[in-house]
C-alpha atoms as a PDB file:
ATOM      1  CA  MET A   1      12.896 -91.374  32.189  1.00  0.00           C
ATOM      2  CA  LYS A   2      11.047 -90.019  35.262  1.00  0.00           C
ATOM      3  CA  LEU A   3       8.325 -92.684  34.887  1.00  0.00           C
ATOM      4  CA  LEU A   4      10.976 -95.416  34.472  1.00  0.00           C
ATOM      5  CA  VAL A   5      12.737 -94.372  37.696  1.00  0.00           C
ATOM      6  CA  PHE A   6       9.380 -94.300  39.493  1.00  0.00           C
ATOM      7  CA  ARG A   7       8.573 -97.857  38.337  1.00  0.00           C
ATOM      8  CA  LEU A   8      12.031 -99.132  39.293  1.00  0.00           C
ATOM      9  CA  THR A   9      11.587 -97.597  42.752  1.00  0.00           C
ATOM     10  CA  LEU A  10       8.271 -99.402  43.167  1.00  0.00           C
ATOM     11  CA  LEU A  11       9.869-102.682  42.034  1.00  0.00           C
ATOM     12  CA  THR A  12      12.601-102.275  44.658  1.00  0.00           C
ATOM     13  CA  LEU A  13       9.983-101.599  47.321  1.00  0.00           C
ATOM     14  CA  LEU A  14       8.002-104.667  46.268  1.00  0.00           C
ATOM     15  CA  ILE A  15      11.077-106.884  46.614  1.00  0.00           C
ATOM     16  CA  LYS A  16      11.931-105.339  49.971  1.00  0.00           C
ATOM     17  CA  ALA A  17       8.383-105.825  51.276  1.00  0.00           C
ATOM     18  CA  SER A  18       8.301-109.491  50.229  1.00  0.00           C
ATOM     19  CA  GLU A  19      11.624-110.340  51.918  1.00  0.00           C
ATOM     20  CA  SER A  20      11.343-108.482  55.233  1.00  0.00           C
ATOM     21  CA  LEU A  21       9.270-108.571  58.391  1.00  0.00           C
ATOM     22  CA  ASP A  22       9.147-105.293  60.300  1.00  0.00           C
ATOM     23  CA  LEU A  23       9.151-106.529  63.887  1.00  0.00           C
ATOM     24  CA  ASP A  24      10.132-103.565  66.043  1.00  0.00           C
ATOM     25  CA  ASN A  25       7.101-102.626  68.167  1.00  0.00           C
ATOM     26  CA  ASN A  26       4.786-104.047  65.527  1.00  0.00           C
ATOM     27  CA  GLN A  27       1.869-106.288  66.532  1.00  0.00           C
ATOM     28  CA  PHE A  28       1.046-109.734  65.212  1.00  0.00           C
ATOM     29  CA  LEU A  29      -1.314-112.664  65.327  1.00  0.00           C
ATOM     30  CA  ILE A  30       0.991-115.700  65.390  1.00  0.00           C
ATOM     31  CA  TYR A  31      -0.235-118.842  63.571  1.00  0.00           C
ATOM     32  CA  ASN A  32       1.214-122.352  63.715  1.00  0.00           C
ATOM     33  CA  LYS A  33       2.057-124.024  60.400  1.00  0.00           C
ATOM     34  CA  ILE A  34       0.715-127.506  61.197  1.00  0.00           C
ATOM     35  CA  TYR A  35      -2.302-126.409  63.260  1.00  0.00           C
ATOM     36  CA  HIS A  36      -2.956-123.577  60.859  1.00  0.00           C
ATOM     37  CA  LYS A  37      -5.850-121.903  62.700  1.00  0.00           C
ATOM     38  CA  ALA A  38      -4.149-121.986  66.108  1.00  0.00           C
ATOM     39  CA  ARG A  39      -2.805-118.643  67.336  1.00  0.00           C
ATOM     40  CA  ILE A  40      -0.549-118.105  70.353  1.00  0.00           C
ATOM     41  CA  THR A  41      -2.834-116.848  73.146  1.00  0.00           C
ATOM     42  CA  GLN A  42      -2.557-115.584  76.709  1.00  0.00           C
ATOM     43  CA  PHE A  43      -5.587-116.825  78.644  1.00  0.00           C
ATOM     44  CA  GLY A  44      -4.969-114.937  81.894  1.00  0.00           C
ATOM     45  CA  THR A  45      -2.264-113.773  84.268  1.00  0.00           C
ATOM     46  CA  GLY A  46      -1.251-117.104  85.777  1.00  0.00           C
ATOM     47  CA  GLY A  47       2.188-118.438  84.901  1.00  0.00           C
ATOM     48  CA  ASN A  48       0.780-121.287  82.810  1.00  0.00           C
ATOM     49  CA  ASP A  49      -1.893-119.209  81.063  1.00  0.00           C
ATOM     50  CA  VAL A  50      -0.244-119.399  77.634  1.00  0.00           C
ATOM     51  CA  GLY A  51      -1.193-121.697  74.786  1.00  0.00           C
ATOM     52  CA  THR A  52      -3.043-121.463  71.482  1.00  0.00           C
ATOM     53  CA  TYR A  53      -6.648-120.871  70.491  1.00  0.00           C
ATOM     54  CA  GLU A  54      -8.364-121.299  67.129  1.00  0.00           C
ATOM     55  CA  HIS A  55     -11.302-118.916  67.546  1.00  0.00           C
ATOM     56  CA  GLY A  56     -11.361-115.131  67.422  1.00  0.00           C
ATOM     57  CA  PRO A  57      -9.308-113.156  66.748  1.00  0.00           C
ATOM     58  CA  PHE A  58      -9.224-111.612  70.210  1.00  0.00           C
ATOM     59  CA  SER A  59      -6.941-109.056  71.801  1.00  0.00           C
ATOM     60  CA  ASP A  60      -5.272-111.721  73.991  1.00  0.00           C
ATOM     61  CA  GLN A  61      -3.926-113.260  70.748  1.00  0.00           C
ATOM     62  CA  LEU A  62      -2.200-110.036  69.657  1.00  0.00           C
ATOM     63  CA  TRP A  63       1.502-109.717  70.464  1.00  0.00           C
ATOM     64  CA  THR A  64       3.804-106.706  70.351  1.00  0.00           C
ATOM     65  CA  MET A  65       7.396-107.497  69.442  1.00  0.00           C
ATOM     66  CA  GLU A  66       9.263-105.129  71.757  1.00  0.00           C
ATOM     67  CA  PRO A  67      12.988-104.939  70.849  1.00  0.00           C
ATOM     68  CA  HIS A  68      15.672-105.172  73.523  1.00  0.00           C
ATOM     69  CA  PRO A  69      17.729-101.949  73.533  1.00  0.00           C
ATOM     70  CA  THR A  70      21.140-103.670  73.353  1.00  0.00           C
ATOM     71  CA  LYS A  71      20.612-107.344  72.457  1.00  0.00           C
ATOM     72  CA  LYS A  72      20.107-106.956  68.721  1.00  0.00           C
ATOM     73  CA  GLY A  73      17.523-109.283  67.226  1.00  0.00           C
ATOM     74  CA  CYS A  74      16.011-110.223  70.596  1.00  0.00           C
ATOM     75  CA  TYR A  75      12.442-109.262  71.483  1.00  0.00           C
ATOM     76  CA  TYR A  76       9.979-109.366  74.335  1.00  0.00           C
ATOM     77  CA  MET A  77       6.611-110.826  73.282  1.00  0.00           C
ATOM     78  CA  VAL A  78       4.101-108.522  74.988  1.00  0.00           C
ATOM     79  CA  ASN A  79       0.398-109.302  75.026  1.00  0.00           C
ATOM     80  CA  GLU A  80      -2.112-106.630  73.985  1.00  0.00           C
ATOM     81  CA  LYS A  81      -4.753-107.544  76.564  1.00  0.00           C
ATOM     82  CA  TYR A  82      -2.243-108.090  79.367  1.00  0.00           C
ATOM     83  CA  PRO A  83       0.474-105.534  78.502  1.00  0.00           C
ATOM     84  CA  ASN A  84       2.483-106.045  81.697  1.00  0.00           C
ATOM     85  CA  TYR A  85       3.120-109.723  80.872  1.00  0.00           C
ATOM     86  CA  ARG A  86       5.634-111.380  78.569  1.00  0.00           C
ATOM     87  CA  ILE A  87       6.288-114.907  77.306  1.00  0.00           C
ATOM     88  CA  ALA A  88       9.311-116.542  78.969  1.00  0.00           C
ATOM     89  CA  ASP A  89      11.436-119.669  78.689  1.00  0.00           C
ATOM     90  CA  SER A  90      11.657-120.251  82.437  1.00  0.00           C
ATOM     91  CA  LYS A  91      13.861-123.248  83.248  1.00  0.00           C
ATOM     92  CA  HIS A  92      13.010-124.812  79.856  1.00  0.00           C
ATOM     93  CA  LYS A  93       9.262-124.295  80.308  1.00  0.00           C
ATOM     94  CA  ILE A  94       7.019-121.851  78.462  1.00  0.00           C
ATOM     95  CA  VAL A  95       5.298-119.471  80.894  1.00  0.00           C
ATOM     96  CA  ILE A  96       4.159-115.868  81.100  1.00  0.00           C
ATOM     97  CA  TYR A  97       4.987-113.447  83.864  1.00  0.00           C
ATOM     98  CA  GLY A  98       5.096-109.710  84.527  1.00  0.00           C
ATOM     99  CA  GLY A  99       7.177-107.543  86.798  1.00  0.00           C
ATOM    100  CA  ASN A 100      10.796-106.808  85.953  1.00  0.00           C
ATOM    101  CA  HIS A 101      12.221-107.703  82.574  1.00  0.00           C
ATOM    102  CA  HIS A 102      14.526-110.736  82.409  1.00  0.00           C
ATOM    103  CA  ASP A 103      16.632-112.333  79.680  1.00  0.00           C
ATOM    104  CA  ASP A 104      14.585-115.541  79.717  1.00  0.00           C
ATOM    105  CA  GLN A 105      11.713-113.464  78.281  1.00  0.00           C
ATOM    106  CA  LEU A 106      13.668-112.649  75.112  1.00  0.00           C
ATOM    107  CA  VAL A 107      13.101-114.448  71.819  1.00  0.00           C
ATOM    108  CA  ARG A 108      14.528-114.186  68.329  1.00  0.00           C
ATOM    109  CA  LEU A 109      13.103-115.225  64.953  1.00  0.00           C
ATOM    110  CA  GLU A 110      14.817-117.318  62.316  1.00  0.00           C
ATOM    111  CA  PRO A 111      13.274-117.977  58.881  1.00  0.00           C
ATOM    112  CA  SER A 112      12.252-121.526  58.029  1.00  0.00           C
ATOM    113  CA  GLY A 113      14.711-121.550  55.134  1.00  0.00           C
ATOM    114  CA  SER A 114      11.970-122.430  52.659  1.00  0.00           C
ATOM    115  CA  ASN A 115      11.013-118.846  51.757  1.00  0.00           C
ATOM    116  CA  ASP A 116       7.455-119.615  52.895  1.00  0.00           C
ATOM    117  CA  GLY A 117       6.923-116.771  55.363  1.00  0.00           C
ATOM    118  CA  TYR A 118       7.239-118.983  58.447  1.00  0.00           C
ATOM    119  CA  PHE A 119       9.696-118.531  61.320  1.00  0.00           C
ATOM    120  CA  TYR A 120      11.126-120.439  64.249  1.00  0.00           C
ATOM    121  CA  ILE A 121      10.745-118.601  67.574  1.00  0.00           C
ATOM    122  CA  TYR A 122      13.987-119.234  69.483  1.00  0.00           C
ATOM    123  CA  SER A 123      14.721-118.341  73.092  1.00  0.00           C
ATOM    124  CA  CYS A 124      17.580-115.844  73.410  1.00  0.00           C
ATOM    125  CA  TYR A 125      18.380-117.357  76.817  1.00  0.00           C
ATOM    126  CA  TYR A 126      18.390-121.095  76.046  1.00  0.00           C
ATOM    127  CA  ARG A 127      19.532-120.470  72.520  1.00  0.00           C
ATOM    128  CA  ASN A 128      18.648-123.837  70.974  1.00  0.00           C
ATOM    129  CA  GLU A 129      15.091-123.947  72.341  1.00  0.00           C
ATOM    130  CA  ARG A 130      12.127-123.098  70.113  1.00  0.00           C
ATOM    131  CA  ILE A 131       8.408-122.678  70.679  1.00  0.00           C
ATOM    132  CA  ALA A 132       6.620-125.795  69.422  1.00  0.00           C
ATOM    133  CA  LYS A 133       2.993-126.915  69.270  1.00  0.00           C
ATOM    134  CA  TYR A 134       3.081-130.671  69.695  1.00  0.00           C
ATOM    135  CA  GLY A 135      -0.678-131.344  69.472  1.00  0.00           C
ATOM    136  CA  SER A 136      -4.074-129.844  68.717  1.00  0.00           C
ATOM    137  CA  GLY A 137      -4.910-129.019  72.352  1.00  0.00           C
ATOM    138  CA  ASN A 138      -4.933-125.408  73.481  1.00  0.00           C
ATOM    139  CA  MET A 139      -2.201-126.033  76.049  1.00  0.00           C
ATOM    140  CA  ASN A 140       0.045-128.170  73.802  1.00  0.00           C
ATOM    141  CA  LEU A 141       2.744-125.491  73.672  1.00  0.00           C
ATOM    142  CA  VAL A 142       6.345-125.924  74.833  1.00  0.00           C
ATOM    143  CA  PHE A 143       9.921-124.783  74.392  1.00  0.00           C
ATOM    144  CA  TYR A 144      11.697-127.652  72.620  1.00  0.00           C
ATOM    145  CA  ASN A 145      15.391-128.248  71.853  1.00  0.00           C
ATOM    146  CA  GLY A 146      15.226-131.390  69.709  1.00  0.00           C
ATOM    147  CA  GLY A 147      15.080-131.687  65.927  1.00  0.00           C
ATOM    148  CA  LEU A 148      13.475-129.146  63.616  1.00  0.00           C
ATOM    149  CA  TYR A 149       9.834-129.940  62.764  1.00  0.00           C
ATOM    150  CA  GLU A 150       7.051-127.991  61.098  1.00  0.00           C
ATOM    151  CA  ASP A 151       5.022-127.729  64.313  1.00  0.00           C
ATOM    152  CA  GLN A 152       7.731-125.271  65.445  1.00  0.00           C
ATOM    153  CA  LEU A 153       7.063-122.909  62.530  1.00  0.00           C
ATOM    154  CA  TRP A 154       4.969-119.773  62.958  1.00  0.00           C
ATOM    155  CA  LYS A 155       3.506-117.178  60.629  1.00  0.00           C
ATOM    156  CA  PHE A 156       3.401-113.593  61.885  1.00  0.00           C
ATOM    157  CA  VAL A 157       0.305-111.792  60.558  1.00  0.00           C
ATOM    158  CA  PRO A 158       0.447-108.032  61.264  1.00  0.00           C
ATOM    159  CA  ARG A 159      -2.416-106.240  62.967  1.00  0.00           C
ATOM    160  CA  PHE A 160      -2.717-104.195  59.773  1.00  0.00           C
ATOM    161  CA  ASP A 161      -1.994-105.326  56.258  1.00  0.00           C
ATOM    162  CA  VAL A 162       0.352-103.044  54.314  1.00  0.00           C
ATOM    163  CA  ALA A 163      -1.358 -99.726  53.673  1.00  0.00           C
ATOM    164  CA  LYS A 164      -3.058 -99.536  50.279  1.00  0.00           C
ATOM    165  CA  VAL A 165      -3.039 -96.032  48.818  1.00  0.00           C
ATOM    166  CA  ARG A 166      -5.261 -94.621  46.124  1.00  0.00           C
ATOM    167  CA  THR A 167      -6.227 -91.201  44.823  1.00  0.00           C
ATOM    168  CA  TYR A 168      -9.944 -90.565  44.656  1.00  0.00           C
ATOM    169  CA  GLU A 169     -12.049 -87.779  43.229  1.00  0.00           C
ATOM    170  CA  VAL A 170     -13.446 -85.322  45.763  1.00  0.00           C
ATOM    171  CA  PHE A 171     -15.087 -82.966  43.269  1.00  0.00           C
ATOM    172  CA  HIS A 172     -15.345 -82.625  39.485  1.00  0.00           C
ATOM    173  CA  PHE A 173     -16.965 -79.945  37.361  1.00  0.00           C
ATOM    174  CA  ASP A 174     -16.563 -79.513  33.609  1.00  0.00           C
ATOM    175  CA  ASN A 175     -17.002 -75.816  32.848  1.00  0.00           C
ATOM    176  CA  ARG A 176     -15.442 -75.847  29.386  1.00  0.00           C
ATOM    177  CA  GLN A 177     -18.683 -74.691  27.827  1.00  0.00           C
ATOM    178  CA  GLY A 178     -19.293 -72.049  30.464  1.00  0.00           C
ATOM    179  CA  SER A 179     -18.692 -68.326  30.019  1.00  0.00           C
ATOM    180  CA  ALA A 180     -18.507 -67.499  33.742  1.00  0.00           C
ATOM    181  CA  PRO A 181     -16.794 -69.006  36.795  1.00  0.00           C
ATOM    182  CA  ILE A 182     -18.776 -71.475  38.884  1.00  0.00           C
ATOM    183  CA  THR A 183     -18.407 -71.657  42.678  1.00  0.00           C
ATOM    184  CA  ARG A 184     -19.122 -74.771  44.677  1.00  0.00           C
ATOM    185  CA  GLU A 185     -18.785 -75.600  48.373  1.00  0.00           C
ATOM    186  CA  VAL A 186     -17.491 -79.108  49.056  1.00  0.00           C
ATOM    187  CA  SER A 187     -16.893 -80.989  52.308  1.00  0.00           C
ATOM    188  CA  VAL A 188     -13.317 -82.276  52.598  1.00  0.00           C
ATOM    189  CA  THR A 189     -12.161 -84.630  55.370  1.00  0.00           C
ATOM    190  CA  ARG A 190      -8.577 -85.195  56.530  1.00  0.00           C
ATOM    191  CA  GLY A 191      -7.270 -87.629  59.132  1.00  0.00           C
ATOM    192  CA  ILE A 192      -8.324 -91.071  60.374  1.00  0.00           C
ATOM    193  CA  THR A 193     -11.842 -92.313  59.671  1.00  0.00           C
ATOM    194  CA  ARG A 194     -13.263 -95.528  61.162  1.00  0.00           C
ATOM    195  CA  SER A 195     -16.502 -97.338  60.426  1.00  0.00           C
ATOM    196  CA  SER A 196     -16.614 -98.727  63.967  1.00  0.00           C
ATOM    197  CA  SER A 197     -17.668 -96.626  66.946  1.00  0.00           C
ATOM    198  CA  SER A 198     -15.907 -98.914  69.441  1.00  0.00           C
ATOM    199  CA  THR A 199     -13.251 -97.346  71.651  1.00  0.00           C
ATOM    200  CA  ILE A 200      -9.619 -98.227  71.000  1.00  0.00           C
ATOM    201  CA  THR A 201      -8.224 -99.459  74.306  1.00  0.00           C
ATOM    202  CA  ASN A 202      -4.528 -98.932  73.579  1.00  0.00           C
ATOM    203  CA  LYS A 203      -3.992 -95.974  71.261  1.00  0.00           C
ATOM    204  CA  SER A 204      -0.208 -96.303  71.419  1.00  0.00           C
ATOM    205  CA  THR A 205      -0.082 -99.811  69.942  1.00  0.00           C
ATOM    206  CA  PHE A 206      -2.786 -98.881  67.425  1.00  0.00           C
ATOM    207  CA  ARG A 207      -0.659 -95.969  66.217  1.00  0.00           C
ATOM    208  CA  THR A 208       2.541 -98.029  66.098  1.00  0.00           C
ATOM    209  CA  SER A 209       0.843-100.749  64.051  1.00  0.00           C
ATOM    210  CA  MET A 210      -0.521 -98.187  61.581  1.00  0.00           C
ATOM    211  CA  THR A 211       2.958 -96.677  61.238  1.00  0.00           C
ATOM    212  CA  ALA A 212       4.437-100.114  60.500  1.00  0.00           C
ATOM    213  CA  SER A 213       1.730-100.637  57.871  1.00  0.00           C
ATOM    214  CA  ILE A 214       2.790 -97.409  56.165  1.00  0.00           C
ATOM    215  CA  ASN A 215       6.497 -98.257  56.383  1.00  0.00           C
ATOM    216  CA  ASN A 216       5.882-101.676  54.816  1.00  0.00           C
ATOM    217  CA  GLY A 217       3.630-100.313  52.087  1.00  0.00           C
ATOM    218  CA  VAL A 218       4.640-100.376  48.433  1.00  0.00           C
ATOM    219  CA  MET A 219       4.831 -96.622  47.911  1.00  0.00           C
ATOM    220  CA  SER A 220       7.287 -93.819  47.311  1.00  0.00           C
ATOM    221  CA  GLY A 221       9.260 -92.210  50.127  1.00  0.00           C
ATOM    222  CA  GLU A 222       7.359 -88.987  49.563  1.00  0.00           C
ATOM    223  CA  MET A 223       4.047 -90.777  50.080  1.00  0.00           C
ATOM    224  CA  GLN A 224       5.303 -92.460  53.248  1.00  0.00           C
ATOM    225  CA  THR A 225       6.318 -89.074  54.637  1.00  0.00           C
ATOM    226  CA  GLU A 226       2.966 -87.516  53.743  1.00  0.00           C
ATOM    227  CA  LEU A 227       0.970 -90.282  55.420  1.00  0.00           C
ATOM    228  CA  THR A 228       3.227 -90.374  58.490  1.00  0.00           C
ATOM    229  CA  LEU A 229       2.811 -86.634  59.052  1.00  0.00           C
ATOM    230  CA  GLU A 230      -0.965 -86.919  58.629  1.00  0.00           C
ATOM    231  CA  LEU A 231      -0.985 -89.790  61.128  1.00  0.00           C
ATOM    232  CA  GLU A 232       0.971 -87.719  63.650  1.00  0.00           C
ATOM    233  CA  THR A 233      -1.498 -84.870  63.264  1.00  0.00           C
ATOM    234  CA  SER A 234      -4.434 -87.196  63.956  1.00  0.00           C
ATOM    235  CA  PHE A 235      -2.848 -88.804  67.017  1.00  0.00           C
ATOM    236  CA  SER A 236      -1.952 -85.431  68.474  1.00  0.00           C
ATOM    237  CA  GLU A 237      -5.626 -85.367  69.443  1.00  0.00           C
ATOM    238  CA  SER A 238      -6.389 -87.501  72.500  1.00  0.00           C
ATOM    239  CA  ASN A 239     -10.083 -87.797  71.643  1.00  0.00           C
ATOM    240  CA  GLU A 240     -10.803 -90.309  68.877  1.00  0.00           C
ATOM    241  CA  SER A 241     -13.654 -88.160  67.576  1.00  0.00           C
ATOM    242  CA  SER A 242     -11.047 -85.507  66.711  1.00  0.00           C
ATOM    243  CA  TRP A 243      -8.803 -87.842  64.693  1.00  0.00           C
ATOM    244  CA  SER A 244     -10.487 -86.554  61.541  1.00  0.00           C
ATOM    245  CA  LYS A 245     -11.610 -83.060  60.682  1.00  0.00           C
ATOM    246  CA  THR A 246     -14.115 -82.067  58.003  1.00  0.00           C
ATOM    247  CA  GLU A 247     -14.258 -78.572  56.587  1.00  0.00           C
ATOM    248  CA  THR A 248     -16.269 -76.936  53.852  1.00  0.00           C
ATOM    249  CA  ILE A 249     -14.018 -75.546  51.135  1.00  0.00           C
ATOM    250  CA  LYS A 250     -15.165 -73.148  48.447  1.00  0.00           C
ATOM    251  CA  PHE A 251     -13.824 -74.058  44.989  1.00  0.00           C
ATOM    252  CA  THR A 252     -14.110 -71.711  42.017  1.00  0.00           C
ATOM    253  CA  VAL A 253     -14.141 -73.363  38.603  1.00  0.00           C
ATOM    254  CA  PRO A 254     -12.853 -70.943  35.949  1.00  0.00           C
ATOM    255  CA  ALA A 255     -14.818 -70.436  32.747  1.00  0.00           C
ATOM    256  CA  GLY A 256     -13.642 -72.674  29.948  1.00  0.00           C
ATOM    257  CA  LYS A 257     -11.927 -75.152  32.264  1.00  0.00           C
ATOM    258  CA  ASN A 258     -12.364 -78.778  33.193  1.00  0.00           C
ATOM    259  CA  TYR A 259     -11.753 -78.901  36.950  1.00  0.00           C
ATOM    260  CA  LYS A 260     -11.356 -81.603  39.558  1.00  0.00           C
ATOM    261  CA  VAL A 261     -10.087 -82.029  43.102  1.00  0.00           C
ATOM    262  CA  MET A 262      -8.270 -85.250  44.045  1.00  0.00           C
ATOM    263  CA  GLN A 263      -7.233 -86.604  47.464  1.00  0.00           C
ATOM    264  CA  HIS A 264      -4.903 -89.310  48.749  1.00  0.00           C
ATOM    265  CA  GLN A 265      -6.466 -92.061  50.838  1.00  0.00           C
ATOM    266  CA  ALA A 266      -4.646 -94.919  52.593  1.00  0.00           C
ATOM    267  CA  ASN A 267      -6.741 -97.934  53.599  1.00  0.00           C
ATOM    268  CA  PHE A 268      -5.722-100.102  56.558  1.00  0.00           C
ATOM    269  CA  GLU A 269      -7.255-103.583  56.586  1.00  0.00           C
ATOM    270  CA  SER A 270      -7.107-105.661  59.766  1.00  0.00           C
ATOM    271  CA  PRO A 271      -8.190-109.133  60.929  1.00  0.00           C
ATOM    272  CA  PHE A 272      -9.926-107.159  63.693  1.00  0.00           C
ATOM    273  CA  ALA A 273     -12.936-105.635  61.941  1.00  0.00           C
ATOM    274  CA  ASP A 274     -13.172-102.760  64.445  1.00  0.00           C
ATOM    275  CA  ASP A 275      -9.596-101.711  63.619  1.00  0.00           C
ATOM    276  CA  THR A 276     -10.094-101.298  59.870  1.00  0.00           C
ATOM    277  CA  CYS A 277      -9.788 -97.619  58.980  1.00  0.00           C
ATOM    278  CA  SER A 278      -8.696 -95.057  56.392  1.00  0.00           C
ATOM    279  CA  LEU A 279      -6.314 -92.114  56.467  1.00  0.00           C
ATOM    280  CA  LEU A 280      -7.216 -89.140  54.286  1.00  0.00           C
ATOM    281  CA  SER A 281      -4.415 -86.706  53.486  1.00  0.00           C
ATOM    282  CA  SER A 282      -3.433 -84.206  50.800  1.00  0.00           C
ATOM    283  CA  ILE A 283      -5.710 -82.740  48.145  1.00  0.00           C
ATOM    284  CA  LYS A 284      -4.747 -81.284  44.780  1.00  0.00           C
ATOM    285  CA  ILE A 285      -6.644 -79.214  42.207  1.00  0.00           C
ATOM    286  CA  PHE A 286      -6.394 -80.164  38.536  1.00  0.00           C
ATOM    287  CA  GLU A 287      -7.403 -77.867  35.653  1.00  0.00           C
ATOM    288  CA  SER A 288      -7.519 -78.707  31.960  1.00  0.00           C
ATOM    289  CA  ASP A 289      -8.740 -77.378  28.633  1.00  0.00           C
ATOM    290  CA  THR A 290      -9.558 -80.919  27.510  1.00  0.00           C
ATOM    291  CA  ALA A 291     -11.159 -84.071  28.876  1.00  0.00           C
ATOM    292  CA  ASP A 292      -7.751 -85.224  30.125  1.00  0.00           C
ATOM    293  CA  PHE A 293      -5.716 -83.920  33.059  1.00  0.00           C
ATOM    294  CA  ALA A 294      -1.924 -83.720  33.192  1.00  0.00           C
ATOM    295  CA  ASP A 295      -0.323 -85.245  36.297  1.00  0.00           C
ATOM    296  CA  ASN A 296       3.303 -84.198  36.012  1.00  0.00           C
ATOM    297  CA  ASP A 297       4.178 -84.880  39.671  1.00  0.00           C
ATOM    298  CA  ASN A 298       2.465 -88.297  39.811  1.00  0.00           C
ATOM    299  CA  PHE A 299      -0.068 -87.197  42.431  1.00  0.00           C
ATOM    300  CA  ILE A 300      -2.594 -89.732  41.166  1.00  0.00           C
ATOM    301  CA  VAL A 301      -1.497 -93.121  42.474  1.00  0.00           C
ATOM    302  CA  SER A 302      -2.834 -96.585  43.192  1.00  0.00           C
ATOM    303  CA  TYR A 303      -0.582 -98.860  45.251  1.00  0.00           C
END
């Protein structure tokens, strides 16, 4: 019964993940449906410096969807490279500008209606106007209030794919034939590990995007909580080199026992190669008199 409930929970999470788009403070590359490699891009800080670009990805193509505190469903589109600037529908023209926040900078998303993962980006100010790409040129981007066409449809690709969790083996020693305990020292790492040595410019948006990846992941609530707490511990350190900590732990394998240590690892894949990372969290010791190990609390997972 416990396994059945666990599987039903995962099925519910899978359905939820396929039908929803977690926008609040999450970051996205935004692709046009017709010009499928074109991503909405901010080229600079001039009012007209907004369009699309097919190469990259680059940080000026990454947008944070910042929710308005009272206008439900309306968002500011904030650029990662130029965080003080937002897309606006200014007098029926698409522009970017910084300074104070105004209602003509708010947008809302509406699904295409075809269950294809694409959305219309409507202005919350001129409520019938939508962002459209009317040609292949980088600057062929407008707010448009005519009929609905596919060049107005956009796919929002998160900075991080949904977190993929697995349990891997840290240490294993079969001492079933032994008559005395065996002691081994093993290095165990917890926290965020990255293959890239590049500096993360905006740690706040990086953290928020990782959190969204966890929240959208197909995993149990207990696993989400575990990973979120581990993430908070890592980001409590201002220095990136301290986001992970490795310690040497002494494990004693009893005589006559098969013994292994397992650890949870969440992998975060990103279109930005330098962002791709892993989060290492809890460990658990397993002991057995046989070649098999009981896992009564479902610690060993693969999502």
